[in-house]
N, C-alpha and C. Protein backbone atom coordinates (compact mmCIF):
# COMPACT_ATOMS: atom_id res chain seq x y z
N MET A 1 1.11 -1.17 -0.53
CA MET A 1 -0.06 -0.20 -0.19
C MET A 1 0.86 1.46 0.06
N VAL A 2 0.79 2.09 -0.83
CA VAL A 2 1.05 3.72 -0.77
C VAL A 2 0.05 4.56 0.00
N ARG A 3 0.66 5.95 -0.22
CA ARG A 3 -0.59 6.81 0.00
C ARG A 3 -0.06 8.16 0.17
N ALA A 4 -0.83 8.91 0.04
CA ALA A 4 -0.40 10.18 -0.25
C ALA A 4 -1.71 11.54 0.71
N LYS A 5 -1.23 12.37 1.07
CA LYS A 5 -2.08 13.53 1.48
C LYS A 5 -3.46 14.07 1.04
N LEU A 6 -4.15 14.62 1.26
CA LEU A 6 -5.07 14.66 0.14
C LEU A 6 -5.40 16.46 0.84
N TRP A 7 -5.07 17.29 -0.19
CA TRP A 7 -4.82 18.69 0.20
C TRP A 7 -6.50 19.54 -1.03
N LEU A 8 -7.32 20.47 -0.21
CA LEU A 8 -8.34 20.88 -1.00
C LEU A 8 -7.92 22.38 -0.34
N GLN A 9 -8.48 23.19 -1.40
CA GLN A 9 -8.51 24.37 -1.29
C GLN A 9 -10.30 25.31 -0.23
N CYS A 10 -9.56 25.98 0.65
CA CYS A 10 -10.67 26.76 1.39
C CYS A 10 -10.96 27.72 0.48
N ALA A 11 -12.26 27.75 1.08
CA ALA A 11 -13.18 28.31 0.66
C ALA A 11 -13.40 29.79 0.85
N ALA A 12 -12.81 29.98 2.54
CA ALA A 12 -12.72 31.16 3.26
C ALA A 12 -11.56 32.11 2.84
N MET A 13 -10.33 31.04 3.04
CA MET A 13 -8.94 31.58 2.38
C MET A 13 -8.48 31.70 1.54
N PHE A 14 -9.30 30.22 0.33
CA PHE A 14 -8.38 30.19 -0.33
C PHE A 14 -7.07 29.20 -0.23
N ASP A 15 -6.52 28.76 1.05
CA ASP A 15 -5.08 28.63 1.16
C ASP A 15 -5.43 27.08 0.74
N PRO A 16 -4.38 25.89 0.78
CA PRO A 16 -4.29 24.52 0.83
C PRO A 16 -4.59 23.87 1.96
N VAL A 17 -6.13 23.25 2.44
CA VAL A 17 -6.03 22.80 3.92
C VAL A 17 -6.03 21.30 3.72
N SER A 18 -6.44 20.33 4.99
CA SER A 18 -6.07 19.46 4.64
C SER A 18 -6.97 19.11 5.60
N PRO A 19 -8.67 17.92 6.06
CA PRO A 19 -9.09 18.20 7.29
C PRO A 19 -8.40 16.86 8.19
N VAL A 20 -8.71 16.96 9.58
CA VAL A 20 -7.81 16.28 10.48
C VAL A 20 -8.88 16.29 11.39
N LEU A 21 -9.00 15.29 11.14
CA LEU A 21 -10.07 14.42 12.60
C LEU A 21 -9.51 14.78 14.44
N VAL A 22 -9.34 15.07 14.65
CA VAL A 22 -9.50 16.41 16.44
C VAL A 22 -9.62 15.04 17.06
N GLN A 23 -11.38 14.72 17.48
CA GLN A 23 -11.62 13.50 17.99
C GLN A 23 -12.90 13.46 17.33
N PRO A 24 -13.03 11.72 18.07
CA PRO A 24 -14.03 10.75 17.36
C PRO A 24 -15.10 11.17 17.70
N ALA A 25 -16.17 11.36 16.54
CA ALA A 25 -17.96 11.65 17.40
C ALA A 25 -18.48 10.79 18.73
N VAL A 26 -19.00 11.37 19.00
CA VAL A 26 -19.70 10.71 20.09
C VAL A 26 -21.10 11.01 19.98
N ILE A 27 -21.61 9.62 19.66
CA ILE A 27 -22.46 9.46 19.25
C ILE A 27 -23.64 8.79 20.68
N GLY A 28 -25.19 9.47 21.95
CA GLY A 28 -25.33 9.27 22.25
C GLY A 28 -27.04 9.15 21.99
N TRP A 29 -28.15 8.41 22.55
CA TRP A 29 -29.05 8.16 21.99
C TRP A 29 -30.66 9.00 23.31
N GLU A 30 -31.29 9.07 22.94
CA GLU A 30 -32.21 9.56 23.77
C GLU A 30 -33.31 8.95 23.17
N GLY A 31 -34.16 8.33 24.95
CA GLY A 31 -34.94 8.27 25.02
C GLY A 31 -36.55 8.39 25.27
N LYS A 32 -36.96 7.70 25.16
CA LYS A 32 -38.66 8.09 25.00
C LYS A 32 -39.41 8.09 26.37
N ASN A 33 -38.79 6.50 27.19
CA ASN A 33 -39.57 6.18 28.00
C ASN A 33 -38.33 6.46 29.02
N ARG A 34 -37.08 6.16 29.21
CA ARG A 34 -36.38 6.63 30.46
C ARG A 34 -35.42 7.36 29.95
N ARG A 35 -34.39 7.61 30.64
CA ARG A 35 -33.22 8.55 30.18
C ARG A 35 -32.03 7.34 30.23
N ILE A 36 -31.12 7.64 28.77
CA ILE A 36 -30.46 6.81 29.12
C ILE A 36 -28.84 7.27 28.66
N ASP A 37 -27.81 6.85 29.64
CA ASP A 37 -26.49 7.54 29.83
C ASP A 37 -25.46 6.58 29.08
N LEU A 38 -25.81 6.22 28.02
CA LEU A 38 -24.63 5.66 27.34
C LEU A 38 -24.20 6.12 25.91
N THR A 39 -23.11 6.33 25.47
CA THR A 39 -22.39 7.24 24.61
C THR A 39 -21.56 6.09 24.23
N ILE A 40 -21.60 6.28 23.11
CA ILE A 40 -19.56 5.82 21.78
C ILE A 40 -19.41 6.15 21.26
N GLU A 41 -18.11 6.32 21.12
CA GLU A 41 -17.14 7.18 20.56
C GLU A 41 -16.58 6.76 18.94
N ARG A 42 -16.62 6.49 17.87
CA ARG A 42 -16.30 6.90 16.83
C ARG A 42 -15.64 7.70 15.85
N PRO A 43 -14.85 7.17 15.44
CA PRO A 43 -14.15 7.96 14.35
C PRO A 43 -14.82 8.14 13.10
N PHE A 44 -14.66 9.57 12.41
CA PHE A 44 -15.34 9.28 10.65
C PHE A 44 -14.35 8.08 10.09
N LYS A 45 -15.08 7.03 9.06
CA LYS A 45 -13.87 7.01 7.92
C LYS A 45 -14.21 8.27 7.01
N GLY A 46 -12.78 7.52 5.91
CA GLY A 46 -12.15 8.31 5.27
C GLY A 46 -13.02 9.48 4.50
N GLU A 47 -13.97 8.80 3.45
CA GLU A 47 -15.27 9.41 2.50
C GLU A 47 -16.55 10.58 4.24
N GLU A 48 -17.03 9.89 4.91
CA GLU A 48 -17.79 10.93 5.91
C GLU A 48 -16.18 12.23 6.24
N LEU A 49 -15.68 11.62 6.80
CA LEU A 49 -15.00 13.42 7.02
C LEU A 49 -14.72 13.73 5.63
N LEU A 50 -14.35 13.17 4.86
CA LEU A 50 -14.48 14.52 3.98
C LEU A 50 -15.56 15.38 3.23
N GLN A 51 -16.49 14.43 3.18
CA GLN A 51 -18.04 14.41 3.02
C GLN A 51 -18.33 16.34 3.62
N ARG A 52 -18.11 16.19 5.55
CA ARG A 52 -18.30 17.32 6.04
C ARG A 52 -17.85 18.42 5.56
N MET A 53 -16.48 18.67 4.44
CA MET A 53 -16.40 19.54 3.89
C MET A 53 -16.42 20.43 2.96
N LYS A 54 -17.55 20.13 3.25
CA LYS A 54 -18.27 20.62 2.32
C LYS A 54 -18.81 22.10 2.48
N GLY A 55 -19.16 22.89 1.71
CA GLY A 55 -18.97 24.39 1.62
C GLY A 55 -17.58 24.87 2.75
N TRP A 56 -16.86 24.55 3.05
CA TRP A 56 -15.91 24.75 3.74
C TRP A 56 -14.38 24.93 2.62
N VAL A 57 -14.37 24.20 1.70
CA VAL A 57 -13.49 23.88 0.81
C VAL A 57 -14.43 24.06 -0.88
N THR A 58 -13.42 24.41 -2.10
CA THR A 58 -14.53 25.31 -2.96
C THR A 58 -14.38 23.78 -3.88
N SER A 59 -14.34 22.62 -3.86
CA SER A 59 -14.60 22.00 -4.86
C SER A 59 -15.82 20.92 -3.62
N ASP A 60 -16.37 20.19 -4.95
CA ASP A 60 -17.43 19.08 -4.09
C ASP A 60 -16.61 18.12 -3.32
N PRO A 61 -17.17 17.37 -2.23
CA PRO A 61 -16.26 16.03 -1.54
C PRO A 61 -17.14 15.11 -2.32
N ARG A 62 -18.25 15.47 -3.07
CA ARG A 62 -18.77 13.96 -3.83
C ARG A 62 -17.72 13.53 -4.65
N GLU A 63 -17.53 14.90 -5.70
CA GLU A 63 -16.72 14.63 -6.38
C GLU A 63 -16.06 14.12 -6.55
N VAL A 64 -14.69 14.73 -5.73
CA VAL A 64 -13.48 14.66 -5.12
C VAL A 64 -13.44 12.48 -4.54
N ILE A 65 -14.40 12.13 -3.99
CA ILE A 65 -14.24 10.94 -3.62
C ILE A 65 -14.77 9.98 -4.76
N ALA A 66 -15.20 10.43 -5.73
CA ALA A 66 -15.54 9.91 -7.31
C ALA A 66 -14.36 9.93 -7.74
N ALA A 67 -13.58 11.12 -8.01
CA ALA A 67 -11.86 10.66 -9.13
C ALA A 67 -10.96 10.17 -8.00
N VAL A 68 -11.00 9.78 -6.64
CA VAL A 68 -10.28 9.18 -5.74
C VAL A 68 -10.58 7.59 -6.17
N GLN A 69 -12.04 6.94 -6.12
CA GLN A 69 -12.57 5.54 -6.34
C GLN A 69 -12.03 4.68 -6.78
N PRO A 70 -11.73 5.34 -8.52
CA PRO A 70 -11.61 3.89 -9.44
C PRO A 70 -10.28 3.34 -9.09
N ASP A 71 -9.20 3.96 -8.08
CA ASP A 71 -8.08 3.35 -8.27
C ASP A 71 -7.26 3.56 -6.79
N GLY A 72 -8.46 3.74 -5.46
CA GLY A 72 -7.86 4.24 -4.75
C GLY A 72 -8.80 4.12 -3.73
N PHE A 73 -8.45 4.95 -2.32
CA PHE A 73 -9.56 5.29 -1.19
C PHE A 73 -9.28 6.30 -0.13
N LEU A 74 -10.23 6.76 0.50
CA LEU A 74 -9.98 7.82 1.64
C LEU A 74 -9.48 6.73 2.59
N LYS A 75 -8.72 7.36 3.56
CA LYS A 75 -8.35 6.38 4.92
C LYS A 75 -8.12 8.26 6.12
N VAL A 76 -9.24 7.41 7.01
CA VAL A 76 -8.45 8.34 8.61
C VAL A 76 -7.40 7.82 9.44
N TYR A 77 -5.88 8.50 9.14
CA TYR A 77 -4.88 7.82 10.52
C TYR A 77 -5.45 7.69 11.63
N GLU A 78 -4.43 7.32 12.15
CA GLU A 78 -4.36 7.19 14.08
C GLU A 78 -4.38 8.56 14.33
N GLN A 79 -3.56 9.41 13.69
CA GLN A 79 -3.43 11.10 14.07
C GLN A 79 -4.75 11.59 13.44
N GLY A 80 -5.12 11.06 12.61
CA GLY A 80 -6.27 12.22 12.34
C GLY A 80 -6.41 12.50 11.08
N GLU A 81 -5.24 12.17 10.08
CA GLU A 81 -5.38 12.67 8.77
C GLU A 81 -6.05 11.72 7.76
N LEU A 82 -6.12 13.38 7.00
CA LEU A 82 -6.81 12.04 5.78
C LEU A 82 -6.37 11.60 4.81
N MET A 83 -5.62 9.86 4.17
CA MET A 83 -4.72 10.19 3.05
C MET A 83 -5.88 9.63 1.75
N VAL A 84 -5.30 9.84 0.62
CA VAL A 84 -5.31 8.68 -0.03
C VAL A 84 -4.27 7.48 0.05
N GLU A 85 -5.39 6.71 -0.18
CA GLU A 85 -4.56 4.99 0.04
C GLU A 85 -4.86 4.46 -1.15
N ALA A 86 -3.44 3.87 -1.86
CA ALA A 86 -3.67 2.78 -2.70
C ALA A 86 -2.92 1.80 -2.90
N ASP A 87 -2.95 0.85 -4.25
CA ASP A 87 -2.07 -0.63 -4.18
C ASP A 87 -1.01 -0.30 -4.11
N SER A 88 -0.16 0.86 -5.76
CA SER A 88 0.92 1.14 -6.22
C SER A 88 0.84 2.36 -6.55
N GLN A 89 2.19 3.06 -6.68
CA GLN A 89 2.35 4.09 -6.88
C GLN A 89 1.71 4.74 -8.63
N ASP A 90 1.78 3.85 -9.24
CA ASP A 90 1.02 3.85 -10.34
C ASP A 90 -1.03 4.58 -10.23
N GLN A 91 -1.36 3.76 -9.43
CA GLN A 91 -2.48 4.12 -9.08
C GLN A 91 -3.18 5.58 -8.75
N LEU A 92 -2.02 5.73 -7.50
CA LEU A 92 -1.99 7.12 -7.06
C LEU A 92 -1.68 7.92 -8.00
N GLU A 93 -0.73 8.03 -9.12
CA GLU A 93 -0.64 9.63 -10.51
C GLU A 93 -1.82 9.23 -10.82
N ARG A 94 -2.57 8.40 -10.82
CA ARG A 94 -3.22 8.27 -11.93
C ARG A 94 -4.68 9.14 -10.75
N ILE A 95 -4.72 8.72 -9.88
CA ILE A 95 -5.70 9.40 -9.09
C ILE A 95 -5.02 10.98 -9.49
N GLN A 96 -3.98 11.73 -9.30
CA GLN A 96 -3.93 12.43 -9.21
C GLN A 96 -4.04 13.50 -10.37
N GLU A 97 -3.89 12.65 -11.57
CA GLU A 97 -3.84 13.03 -12.56
C GLU A 97 -5.38 12.83 -12.57
N ARG A 98 -6.96 13.06 -12.53
CA ARG A 98 -8.08 12.74 -12.41
C ARG A 98 -8.07 14.35 -11.72
N LEU A 99 -7.21 14.23 -10.78
CA LEU A 99 -7.97 15.52 -9.85
C LEU A 99 -7.50 16.67 -10.17
N ARG A 100 -6.37 16.71 -11.19
CA ARG A 100 -5.95 17.93 -11.94
C ARG A 100 -6.74 18.21 -13.25
N GLU A 101 -7.32 16.86 -13.98
CA GLU A 101 -8.46 17.45 -14.64
C GLU A 101 -9.71 17.65 -14.67
N LYS A 102 -9.94 17.44 -13.04
CA LYS A 102 -11.11 17.76 -12.58
C LYS A 102 -11.49 18.55 -12.18
N PHE A 103 -10.21 19.45 -11.16
CA PHE A 103 -10.03 20.65 -9.97
C PHE A 103 -8.93 21.97 -10.67
N GLY A 104 -7.93 21.75 -11.52
CA GLY A 104 -6.94 21.92 -11.03
C GLY A 104 -6.21 22.09 -10.37
N ASP A 105 -5.66 22.83 -9.70
CA ASP A 105 -4.44 22.94 -8.40
C ASP A 105 -5.62 23.60 -7.29
N ARG A 106 -6.97 23.24 -7.42
CA ARG A 106 -8.06 23.10 -6.26
C ARG A 106 -7.93 21.97 -5.28
N VAL A 107 -7.23 21.15 -5.67
CA VAL A 107 -7.33 19.64 -5.08
C VAL A 107 -6.32 18.68 -5.54
N TYR A 108 -5.18 18.52 -4.60
CA TYR A 108 -3.94 17.74 -5.60
C TYR A 108 -3.77 16.94 -4.08
N LEU A 109 -2.43 15.55 -4.21
CA LEU A 109 -2.09 14.96 -3.26
C LEU A 109 -0.73 15.21 -3.19
N GLU A 110 -0.36 14.99 -1.68
CA GLU A 110 0.98 14.99 -1.41
C GLU A 110 2.05 14.29 -1.29
N PHE A 111 2.69 13.36 -2.18
CA PHE A 111 3.42 11.83 -2.02
C PHE A 111 4.67 12.55 -1.04
N ALA A 112 4.91 11.45 -0.37
CA ALA A 112 5.97 10.93 0.46
C ALA A 112 6.81 11.51 0.11
N GLY A 113 7.78 12.55 0.54
CA GLY A 113 8.87 13.08 0.35
C GLY A 113 8.25 14.19 -0.25
N SER A 114 7.64 14.76 -0.81
CA SER A 114 6.94 16.39 -1.59
C SER A 114 6.88 17.18 -1.25
């Protein structure tokens, strides 16, 4: 497996940004007949995290996901950073080319050592 960091253009400042999961989502329940004091923490998956960037970045997250999926997938790593993962460097380069064709310089991959 090879991976690269995904960068998108911020809609407010137009700087490159990459979403980071700071803490897992905390999910609880509201009971109709009684109080439920149970919560679970669950981190977002890669696609979930990116979809929550809608409106905060200049590209449609669903279109970014569609550009990644033929050759790779989005994954949130232990430090919370969003990465694109693929089986080979060639696949990452194909993803990068699709991103460039669709979004220009607004969405790109940063390869290890770049």
